[in-house]
Amino acid sequence: MSCLFLFTSACAVSTQQEVEIGTNYASQIAKELPLIQDAEVTRYITLLGDSLARVADQRNLDWHFAVVDSREVNAFAVPGGYVYVNRGLIERATSMSQVAGVIGHEIGHVTRRHSIKQMQKSQGVNIGATLVCTLTSACNSDLAQSALGIGASAAFAKFSRTDEAEADEEGVRYMIKAGYDPNGIPEMFEILQKERKTTPTEVDRFFASHPMEESRIRDTEKLIASYPAAQVKGLTRDTPGFQAFKKRLLSLPAPKK
């Protein structure tokens, strides 16, 4: 069996292999999750995502951005350049920079190859078996897919606190390079922290896959403050285009869950 399937520590995963893994996961996700197909919504999230990926990506990945039609707050990425943001998260944001910060963070997970490193380190059967399922037709049955949790469970979405801190660091850097106010990142954290105290069930999935403490807000604020003031001053916080995008999203039929 090849290194692609074994993922032992001695096997390096090429960019081509990473893209193949991501493409297969994206195909499964498209079947299992309700992705919004509205042209205006898709166009905007793609433009915003591409503006960040352009300054982040050293490997010329073909990036893909989508909005999941769910009221739950969540965002995740899979290897190879696929980023997903739940409708519930976008609707809670008050400015473009807050959503851009989430996307920048998820791009950071991809560029740092956190999912790939997770797979390489894993000794469990689930990751190996899931990988086989995504690259072959061995697990086409509904029962097998449910047992392995591929697609909807975003198998590679749960990261360590170190991974999260690295993705935050990359997100801040990408935001500044793209001309967006990086303060949107801690602002979004604060919005979610407040909701966690009042209606925790709506944000449970986000916190389950994105370990976060109060210190994470302070850490990102400290990180932003480490940049020269002139480099951060005057960066774009919000745009009419984002507000039109959010208005369009709110006008769509309510998500089923």
C-alpha atoms as a PDB file:
ATOM      1  CA  MET A   1       0.000   0.000   0.000  1.00  0.00           C
ATOM      2  CA  SER A   2       1.345   3.439  -0.895  1.00  0.00           C
ATOM      3  CA  CYS A   3       2.386   6.276   1.397  1.00  0.00           C
ATOM      4  CA  LEU A   4      -0.811   8.073   0.413  1.00  0.00           C
ATOM      5  CA  PHE A   5      -2.840   5.477   2.304  1.00  0.00           C
ATOM      6  CA  LEU A   6      -0.488   4.659   5.147  1.00  0.00           C
ATOM      7  CA  PHE A   7       0.469   8.198   6.149  1.00  0.00           C
ATOM      8  CA  THR A   8       3.332   6.995   8.280  1.00  0.00           C
ATOM      9  CA  SER A   9       5.713   9.596   9.642  1.00  0.00           C
ATOM     10  CA  ALA A  10       8.256   8.606   6.996  1.00  0.00           C
ATOM     11  CA  CYS A  11       5.887   9.423   4.136  1.00  0.00           C
ATOM     12  CA  ALA A  12       5.700  12.954   2.789  1.00  0.00           C
ATOM     13  CA  VAL A  13       2.341  14.063   1.403  1.00  0.00           C
ATOM     14  CA  SER A  14       2.686  16.024  -1.818  1.00  0.00           C
ATOM     15  CA  THR A  15       0.520  18.985  -2.726  1.00  0.00           C
ATOM     16  CA  GLN A  16      -1.066  16.892  -5.478  1.00  0.00           C
ATOM     17  CA  GLN A  17      -2.011  14.198  -2.974  1.00  0.00           C
ATOM     18  CA  GLU A  18      -3.376  16.826  -0.586  1.00  0.00           C
ATOM     19  CA  VAL A  19      -5.556  18.261  -3.343  1.00  0.00           C
ATOM     20  CA  GLU A  20      -6.834  14.778  -4.209  1.00  0.00           C
ATOM     21  CA  ILE A  21      -7.785  14.201  -0.578  1.00  0.00           C
ATOM     22  CA  GLY A  22      -9.538  17.575  -0.376  1.00  0.00           C
ATOM     23  CA  THR A  23     -11.369  17.092  -3.664  1.00  0.00           C
ATOM     24  CA  ASN A  24     -12.770  13.774  -2.497  1.00  0.00           C
ATOM     25  CA  TYR A  25     -13.817  15.237   0.844  1.00  0.00           C
ATOM     26  CA  ALA A  26     -15.440  18.202  -0.913  1.00  0.00           C
ATOM     27  CA  SER A  27     -17.416  15.819  -3.109  1.00  0.00           C
ATOM     28  CA  GLN A  28     -18.720  13.998  -0.042  1.00  0.00           C
ATOM     29  CA  ILE A  29     -19.468  17.260   1.783  1.00  0.00           C
ATOM     30  CA  ALA A  30     -21.498  18.494  -1.200  1.00  0.00           C
ATOM     31  CA  LYS A  31     -23.659  15.377  -0.873  1.00  0.00           C
ATOM     32  CA  GLU A  32     -24.121  15.533   2.879  1.00  0.00           C
ATOM     33  CA  LEU A  33     -24.294  19.228   3.744  1.00  0.00           C
ATOM     34  CA  PRO A  34     -26.824  21.779   2.441  1.00  0.00           C
ATOM     35  CA  LEU A  35     -24.592  24.208   0.551  1.00  0.00           C
ATOM     36  CA  ILE A  36     -26.190  27.469  -0.558  1.00  0.00           C
ATOM     37  CA  GLN A  37     -26.351  27.629  -4.354  1.00  0.00           C
ATOM     38  CA  ASP A  38     -27.543  31.240  -4.652  1.00  0.00           C
ATOM     39  CA  ALA A  39     -25.377  32.945  -7.283  1.00  0.00           C
ATOM     40  CA  GLU A  40     -25.000  36.251  -5.413  1.00  0.00           C
ATOM     41  CA  VAL A  41     -24.025  34.563  -2.153  1.00  0.00           C
ATOM     42  CA  THR A  42     -21.553  32.258  -3.897  1.00  0.00           C
ATOM     43  CA  ARG A  43     -20.013  35.122  -5.865  1.00  0.00           C
ATOM     44  CA  TYR A  44     -19.409  37.267  -2.790  1.00  0.00           C
ATOM     45  CA  ILE A  45     -17.978  34.562  -0.534  1.00  0.00           C
ATOM     46  CA  THR A  46     -15.685  33.509  -3.384  1.00  0.00           C
ATOM     47  CA  LEU A  47     -14.470  37.066  -3.977  1.00  0.00           C
ATOM     48  CA  LEU A  48     -13.813  37.597  -0.276  1.00  0.00           C
ATOM     49  CA  GLY A  49     -12.097  34.240   0.096  1.00  0.00           C
ATOM     50  CA  ASP A  50      -9.971  34.698  -3.013  1.00  0.00           C
ATOM     51  CA  SER A  51      -8.797  38.122  -1.845  1.00  0.00           C
ATOM     52  CA  LEU A  52      -7.315  36.433   1.240  1.00  0.00           C
ATOM     53  CA  ALA A  53      -6.053  33.278  -0.450  1.00  0.00           C
ATOM     54  CA  ARG A  54      -4.226  35.417  -3.010  1.00  0.00           C
ATOM     55  CA  VAL A  55      -1.920  36.841  -0.339  1.00  0.00           C
ATOM     56  CA  ALA A  56      -1.643  33.586   1.618  1.00  0.00           C
ATOM     57  CA  ASP A  57      -1.028  30.771  -0.814  1.00  0.00           C
ATOM     58  CA  GLN A  58       2.509  29.887  -1.877  1.00  0.00           C
ATOM     59  CA  ARG A  59       1.440  26.729  -3.732  1.00  0.00           C
ATOM     60  CA  ASN A  60      -1.111  28.089  -6.237  1.00  0.00           C
ATOM     61  CA  LEU A  61      -3.960  25.957  -4.943  1.00  0.00           C
ATOM     62  CA  ASP A  62      -7.348  26.152  -6.633  1.00  0.00           C
ATOM     63  CA  TRP A  63      -9.366  27.577  -3.739  1.00  0.00           C
ATOM     64  CA  HIS A  64     -13.058  26.968  -3.194  1.00  0.00           C
ATOM     65  CA  PHE A  65     -15.350  28.802  -0.765  1.00  0.00           C
ATOM     66  CA  ALA A  66     -18.918  27.891   0.147  1.00  0.00           C
ATOM     67  CA  VAL A  67     -21.671  28.855   2.585  1.00  0.00           C
ATOM     68  CA  VAL A  68     -23.388  26.030   4.454  1.00  0.00           C
ATOM     69  CA  ASP A  69     -27.127  26.577   4.874  1.00  0.00           C
ATOM     70  CA  SER A  70     -27.216  25.967   8.624  1.00  0.00           C
ATOM     71  CA  ARG A  71     -28.182  28.200  11.520  1.00  0.00           C
ATOM     72  CA  GLU A  72     -25.422  26.633  13.610  1.00  0.00           C
ATOM     73  CA  VAL A  73     -22.268  28.683  14.052  1.00  0.00           C
ATOM     74  CA  ASN A  74     -19.322  26.935  12.445  1.00  0.00           C
ATOM     75  CA  ALA A  75     -16.562  27.150   9.864  1.00  0.00           C
ATOM     76  CA  PHE A  76     -14.090  24.555   8.678  1.00  0.00           C
ATOM     77  CA  ALA A  77     -11.605  23.716   5.946  1.00  0.00           C
ATOM     78  CA  VAL A  78     -10.406  20.492   4.378  1.00  0.00           C
ATOM     79  CA  PRO A  79      -7.027  19.911   2.715  1.00  0.00           C
ATOM     80  CA  GLY A  80      -6.264  21.317  -0.692  1.00  0.00           C
ATOM     81  CA  GLY A  81      -8.081  24.644  -0.422  1.00  0.00           C
ATOM     82  CA  TYR A  82     -11.738  24.027   0.450  1.00  0.00           C
ATOM     83  CA  VAL A  83     -13.237  26.429   3.001  1.00  0.00           C
ATOM     84  CA  TYR A  84     -16.793  26.361   4.382  1.00  0.00           C
ATOM     85  CA  VAL A  85     -18.571  28.971   6.505  1.00  0.00           C
ATOM     86  CA  ASN A  86     -21.983  28.344   8.052  1.00  0.00           C
ATOM     87  CA  ARG A  87     -24.772  30.785   7.364  1.00  0.00           C
ATOM     88  CA  GLY A  88     -25.357  31.079  11.122  1.00  0.00           C
ATOM     89  CA  LEU A  89     -21.887  32.525  11.646  1.00  0.00           C
ATOM     90  CA  ILE A  90     -22.196  35.070   8.849  1.00  0.00           C
ATOM     91  CA  GLU A  91     -25.593  36.258  10.072  1.00  0.00           C
ATOM     92  CA  ARG A  92     -24.139  36.943  13.528  1.00  0.00           C
ATOM     93  CA  ALA A  93     -21.303  39.059  12.140  1.00  0.00           C
ATOM     94  CA  THR A  94     -21.758  42.821  12.043  1.00  0.00           C
ATOM     95  CA  SER A  95     -18.932  43.677   9.646  1.00  0.00           C
ATOM     96  CA  MET A  96     -16.999  42.284   6.713  1.00  0.00           C
ATOM     97  CA  SER A  97     -13.737  42.079   8.655  1.00  0.00           C
ATOM     98  CA  GLN A  98     -15.283  39.642  11.148  1.00  0.00           C
ATOM     99  CA  VAL A  99     -16.183  37.138   8.425  1.00  0.00           C
ATOM    100  CA  ALA A 100     -12.903  37.786   6.600  1.00  0.00           C
ATOM    101  CA  GLY A 101     -11.095  36.949   9.834  1.00  0.00           C
ATOM    102  CA  VAL A 102     -12.855  33.587  10.066  1.00  0.00           C
ATOM    103  CA  ILE A 103     -11.985  32.790   6.450  1.00  0.00           C
ATOM    104  CA  GLY A 104      -8.380  33.903   6.967  1.00  0.00           C
ATOM    105  CA  HIS A 105      -8.145  31.620   9.988  1.00  0.00           C
ATOM    106  CA  GLU A 106      -9.439  28.632   8.010  1.00  0.00           C
ATOM    107  CA  ILE A 107      -7.061  29.402   5.144  1.00  0.00           C
ATOM    108  CA  GLY A 108      -4.311  29.354   7.766  1.00  0.00           C
ATOM    109  CA  HIS A 109      -5.223  25.778   8.688  1.00  0.00           C
ATOM    110  CA  VAL A 110      -4.816  24.791   5.026  1.00  0.00           C
ATOM    111  CA  THR A 111      -1.554  26.641   4.403  1.00  0.00           C
ATOM    112  CA  ARG A 112      -0.063  25.263   7.624  1.00  0.00           C
ATOM    113  CA  ARG A 113      -1.275  21.809   6.533  1.00  0.00           C
ATOM    114  CA  HIS A 114      -2.742  21.094   9.959  1.00  0.00           C
ATOM    115  CA  SER A 115      -5.117  18.413   8.653  1.00  0.00           C
ATOM    116  CA  ILE A 116      -2.361  16.613   6.796  1.00  0.00           C
ATOM    117  CA  LYS A 117      -0.115  16.678   9.861  1.00  0.00           C
ATOM    118  CA  GLN A 118      -2.986  15.320  11.937  1.00  0.00           C
ATOM    119  CA  MET A 119      -3.389  12.403   9.579  1.00  0.00           C
ATOM    120  CA  GLN A 120       0.316  11.677   9.575  1.00  0.00           C
ATOM    121  CA  LYS A 121       0.434  11.606  13.370  1.00  0.00           C
ATOM    122  CA  SER A 122      -2.719   9.563  13.838  1.00  0.00           C
ATOM    123  CA  GLN A 123      -2.350   5.900  14.735  1.00  0.00           C
ATOM    124  CA  GLY A 124      -6.102   5.271  14.890  1.00  0.00           C
ATOM    125  CA  VAL A 125      -8.106   3.214  12.423  1.00  0.00           C
ATOM    126  CA  ASN A 126     -10.687   5.920  11.795  1.00  0.00           C
ATOM    127  CA  ILE A 127      -8.430   8.387   9.970  1.00  0.00           C
ATOM    128  CA  GLY A 128      -6.827   5.694   7.834  1.00  0.00           C
ATOM    129  CA  ALA A 129     -10.141   4.076   6.991  1.00  0.00           C
ATOM    130  CA  THR A 130     -11.742   7.440   6.293  1.00  0.00           C
ATOM    131  CA  LEU A 131      -8.930   8.316   3.929  1.00  0.00           C
ATOM    132  CA  VAL A 132      -9.412   5.063   2.023  1.00  0.00           C
ATOM    133  CA  CYS A 133     -13.110   5.870   1.762  1.00  0.00           C
ATOM    134  CA  THR A 134     -12.442   9.288   0.277  1.00  0.00           C
ATOM    135  CA  LEU A 135     -10.036   7.957  -2.323  1.00  0.00           C
ATOM    136  CA  THR A 136     -11.798   4.720  -3.292  1.00  0.00           C
ATOM    137  CA  SER A 137     -15.316   3.337  -3.586  1.00  0.00           C
ATOM    138  CA  ALA A 138     -14.789   0.987  -0.630  1.00  0.00           C
ATOM    139  CA  CYS A 139     -17.276   2.751   1.627  1.00  0.00           C
ATOM    140  CA  ASN A 140     -20.142   3.773  -0.610  1.00  0.00           C
ATOM    141  CA  SER A 141     -22.856   2.461   1.691  1.00  0.00           C
ATOM    142  CA  ASP A 142     -24.770   4.882   3.899  1.00  0.00           C
ATOM    143  CA  LEU A 143     -23.929   2.752   6.928  1.00  0.00           C
ATOM    144  CA  ALA A 144     -20.184   2.876   6.284  1.00  0.00           C
ATOM    145  CA  GLN A 145     -20.247   6.609   5.684  1.00  0.00           C
ATOM    146  CA  SER A 146     -22.237   7.205   8.851  1.00  0.00           C
ATOM    147  CA  ALA A 147     -19.914   5.035  10.936  1.00  0.00           C
ATOM    148  CA  LEU A 148     -16.809   6.795   9.699  1.00  0.00           C
ATOM    149  CA  GLY A 149     -18.317  10.259   9.902  1.00  0.00           C
ATOM    150  CA  ILE A 150     -16.987  11.547   6.606  1.00  0.00           C
ATOM    151  CA  GLY A 151     -18.299  14.694   5.012  1.00  0.00           C
ATOM    152  CA  ALA A 152     -20.790  16.196   7.422  1.00  0.00           C
ATOM    153  CA  SER A 153     -18.630  15.577  10.462  1.00  0.00           C
ATOM    154  CA  ALA A 154     -15.708  17.409   8.819  1.00  0.00           C
ATOM    155  CA  ALA A 155     -13.296  14.753   9.994  1.00  0.00           C
ATOM    156  CA  PHE A 156     -10.298  17.014   9.991  1.00  0.00           C
ATOM    157  CA  ALA A 157     -11.905  20.061  11.574  1.00  0.00           C
ATOM    158  CA  LYS A 158     -10.847  19.565  15.190  1.00  0.00           C
ATOM    159  CA  PHE A 159      -7.447  21.058  15.895  1.00  0.00           C
ATOM    160  CA  SER A 160      -5.235  21.514  18.923  1.00  0.00           C
ATOM    161  CA  ARG A 161      -4.897  24.840  20.709  1.00  0.00           C
ATOM    162  CA  THR A 162      -1.457  25.178  19.123  1.00  0.00           C
ATOM    163  CA  ASP A 163      -2.955  24.712  15.664  1.00  0.00           C
ATOM    164  CA  GLU A 164      -5.664  27.244  16.463  1.00  0.00           C
ATOM    165  CA  ALA A 165      -3.078  29.787  17.631  1.00  0.00           C
ATOM    166  CA  GLU A 166      -1.061  29.261  14.449  1.00  0.00           C
ATOM    167  CA  ALA A 167      -4.172  29.714  12.300  1.00  0.00           C
ATOM    168  CA  ASP A 168      -5.010  32.901  14.231  1.00  0.00           C
ATOM    169  CA  GLU A 169      -1.491  34.173  13.559  1.00  0.00           C
ATOM    170  CA  GLU A 170      -1.826  33.442   9.858  1.00  0.00           C
ATOM    171  CA  GLY A 171      -5.304  34.955   9.767  1.00  0.00           C
ATOM    172  CA  VAL A 172      -4.066  38.243  11.223  1.00  0.00           C
ATOM    173  CA  ARG A 173      -1.187  38.320   8.750  1.00  0.00           C
ATOM    174  CA  TYR A 174      -3.399  37.601   5.757  1.00  0.00           C
ATOM    175  CA  MET A 175      -5.945  40.193   6.830  1.00  0.00           C
ATOM    176  CA  ILE A 176      -3.315  42.923   6.994  1.00  0.00           C
ATOM    177  CA  LYS A 177      -1.770  41.897   3.667  1.00  0.00           C
ATOM    178  CA  ALA A 178      -5.218  41.930   2.030  1.00  0.00           C
ATOM    179  CA  GLY A 179      -6.008  45.372   3.455  1.00  0.00           C
ATOM    180  CA  TYR A 180      -8.627  44.269   5.994  1.00  0.00           C
ATOM    181  CA  ASP A 181      -8.841  45.332   9.628  1.00  0.00           C
ATOM    182  CA  PRO A 182      -7.537  42.346  11.632  1.00  0.00           C
ATOM    183  CA  ASN A 183      -9.510  43.455  14.691  1.00  0.00           C
ATOM    184  CA  GLY A 184     -12.400  41.628  13.085  1.00  0.00           C
ATOM    185  CA  ILE A 185     -10.875  38.404  14.430  1.00  0.00           C
ATOM    186  CA  PRO A 186     -11.111  39.167  18.174  1.00  0.00           C
ATOM    187  CA  GLU A 187     -14.425  40.964  17.532  1.00  0.00           C
ATOM    188  CA  MET A 188     -15.919  37.755  16.127  1.00  0.00           C
ATOM    189  CA  PHE A 189     -14.561  35.795  19.079  1.00  0.00           C
ATOM    190  CA  GLU A 190     -16.259  38.233  21.457  1.00  0.00           C
ATOM    191  CA  ILE A 191     -19.602  37.899  19.658  1.00  0.00           C
ATOM    192  CA  LEU A 192     -19.418  34.109  19.946  1.00  0.00           C
ATOM    193  CA  GLN A 193     -18.245  34.151  23.550  1.00  0.00           C
ATOM    194  CA  LYS A 194     -21.227  36.308  24.525  1.00  0.00           C
ATOM    195  CA  GLU A 195     -23.652  33.973  22.754  1.00  0.00           C
ATOM    196  CA  ARG A 196     -22.014  30.978  24.411  1.00  0.00           C
ATOM    197  CA  LYS A 197     -23.167  32.362  27.756  1.00  0.00           C
ATOM    198  CA  THR A 198     -26.753  33.003  26.663  1.00  0.00           C
ATOM    199  CA  THR A 199     -27.638  30.320  24.072  1.00  0.00           C
ATOM    200  CA  PRO A 200     -24.771  27.799  24.069  1.00  0.00           C
ATOM    201  CA  THR A 201     -26.516  25.210  21.892  1.00  0.00           C
ATOM    202  CA  GLU A 202     -26.269  27.516  18.866  1.00  0.00           C
ATOM    203  CA  VAL A 203     -22.481  27.736  19.072  1.00  0.00           C
ATOM    204  CA  ASP A 204     -21.570  24.336  20.548  1.00  0.00           C
ATOM    205  CA  ARG A 205     -20.249  22.933  17.286  1.00  0.00           C
ATOM    206  CA  PHE A 206     -17.949  25.895  16.727  1.00  0.00           C
ATOM    207  CA  PHE A 207     -16.392  25.604  20.167  1.00  0.00           C
ATOM    208  CA  ALA A 208     -16.124  21.826  19.850  1.00  0.00           C
ATOM    209  CA  SER A 209     -13.988  22.152  16.726  1.00  0.00           C
ATOM    210  CA  HIS A 210     -12.283  25.442  17.667  1.00  0.00           C
ATOM    211  CA  PRO A 211     -10.870  25.289  21.217  1.00  0.00           C
ATOM    212  CA  MET A 212     -11.147  28.792  22.619  1.00  0.00           C
ATOM    213  CA  GLU A 213     -10.684  30.527  25.933  1.00  0.00           C
ATOM    214  CA  GLU A 214     -10.910  34.156  27.001  1.00  0.00           C
ATOM    215  CA  SER A 215      -7.133  34.331  26.561  1.00  0.00           C
ATOM    216  CA  ARG A 216      -7.508  33.754  22.822  1.00  0.00           C
ATOM    217  CA  ILE A 217      -9.168  37.124  22.434  1.00  0.00           C
ATOM    218  CA  ARG A 218      -6.353  38.780  24.345  1.00  0.00           C
ATOM    219  CA  ASP A 219      -3.744  36.845  22.391  1.00  0.00           C
ATOM    220  CA  THR A 220      -5.071  37.996  19.012  1.00  0.00           C
ATOM    221  CA  GLU A 221      -5.344  41.574  20.249  1.00  0.00           C
ATOM    222  CA  LYS A 222      -1.742  41.375  21.467  1.00  0.00           C
ATOM    223  CA  LEU A 223      -0.675  39.928  18.123  1.00  0.00           C
ATOM    224  CA  ILE A 224      -2.348  42.756  16.234  1.00  0.00           C
ATOM    225  CA  ALA A 225      -0.709  45.302  18.552  1.00  0.00           C
ATOM    226  CA  SER A 226       2.708  43.830  17.667  1.00  0.00           C
ATOM    227  CA  TYR A 227       2.376  45.204  14.125  1.00  0.00           C
ATOM    228  CA  PRO A 228       3.449  48.816  13.456  1.00  0.00           C
ATOM    229  CA  ALA A 229       0.460  51.084  14.070  1.00  0.00           C
ATOM    230  CA  ALA A 230       0.813  52.630  10.629  1.00  0.00           C
ATOM    231  CA  GLN A 231       0.486  49.185   9.033  1.00  0.00           C
ATOM    232  CA  VAL A 232      -2.846  48.489  10.727  1.00  0.00           C
ATOM    233  CA  LYS A 233      -4.377  51.960  10.729  1.00  0.00           C
ATOM    234  CA  GLY A 234      -7.074  52.675   8.188  1.00  0.00           C
ATOM    235  CA  LEU A 235      -7.596  49.120   6.971  1.00  0.00           C
ATOM    236  CA  THR A 236     -11.058  48.180   5.698  1.00  0.00           C
ATOM    237  CA  ARG A 237     -13.498  47.146   8.403  1.00  0.00           C
ATOM    238  CA  ASP A 238     -16.729  46.953   6.452  1.00  0.00           C
ATOM    239  CA  THR A 239     -18.132  47.505   2.975  1.00  0.00           C
ATOM    240  CA  PRO A 240     -21.557  48.062   1.386  1.00  0.00           C
ATOM    241  CA  GLY A 241     -20.883  44.878  -0.588  1.00  0.00           C
ATOM    242  CA  PHE A 242     -20.715  42.815   2.583  1.00  0.00           C
ATOM    243  CA  GLN A 243     -23.891  44.322   3.969  1.00  0.00           C
ATOM    244  CA  ALA A 244     -25.666  43.601   0.671  1.00  0.00           C
ATOM    245  CA  PHE A 245     -24.352  40.024   0.829  1.00  0.00           C
ATOM    246  CA  LYS A 246     -25.626  39.605   4.388  1.00  0.00           C
ATOM    247  CA  LYS A 247     -28.993  41.107   3.448  1.00  0.00           C
ATOM    248  CA  ARG A 248     -29.244  38.666   0.555  1.00  0.00           C
ATOM    249  CA  LEU A 249     -28.429  35.775   2.879  1.00  0.00           C
ATOM    250  CA  LEU A 250     -31.101  36.862   5.347  1.00  0.00           C
ATOM    251  CA  SER A 251     -33.666  37.030   2.538  1.00  0.00           C
ATOM    252  CA  LEU A 252     -33.227  33.372   1.632  1.00  0.00           C
ATOM    253  CA  PRO A 253     -35.568  30.722   3.065  1.00  0.00           C
ATOM    254  CA  ALA A 254     -34.663  29.830   6.652  1.00  0.00           C
ATOM    255  CA  PRO A 255     -32.342  26.857   6.990  1.00  0.00           C
ATOM    256  CA  LYS A 256     -33.921  23.568   8.049  1.00  0.00           C
ATOM    257  CA  LYS A 257     -31.500  23.189  10.930  1.00  0.00           C
END
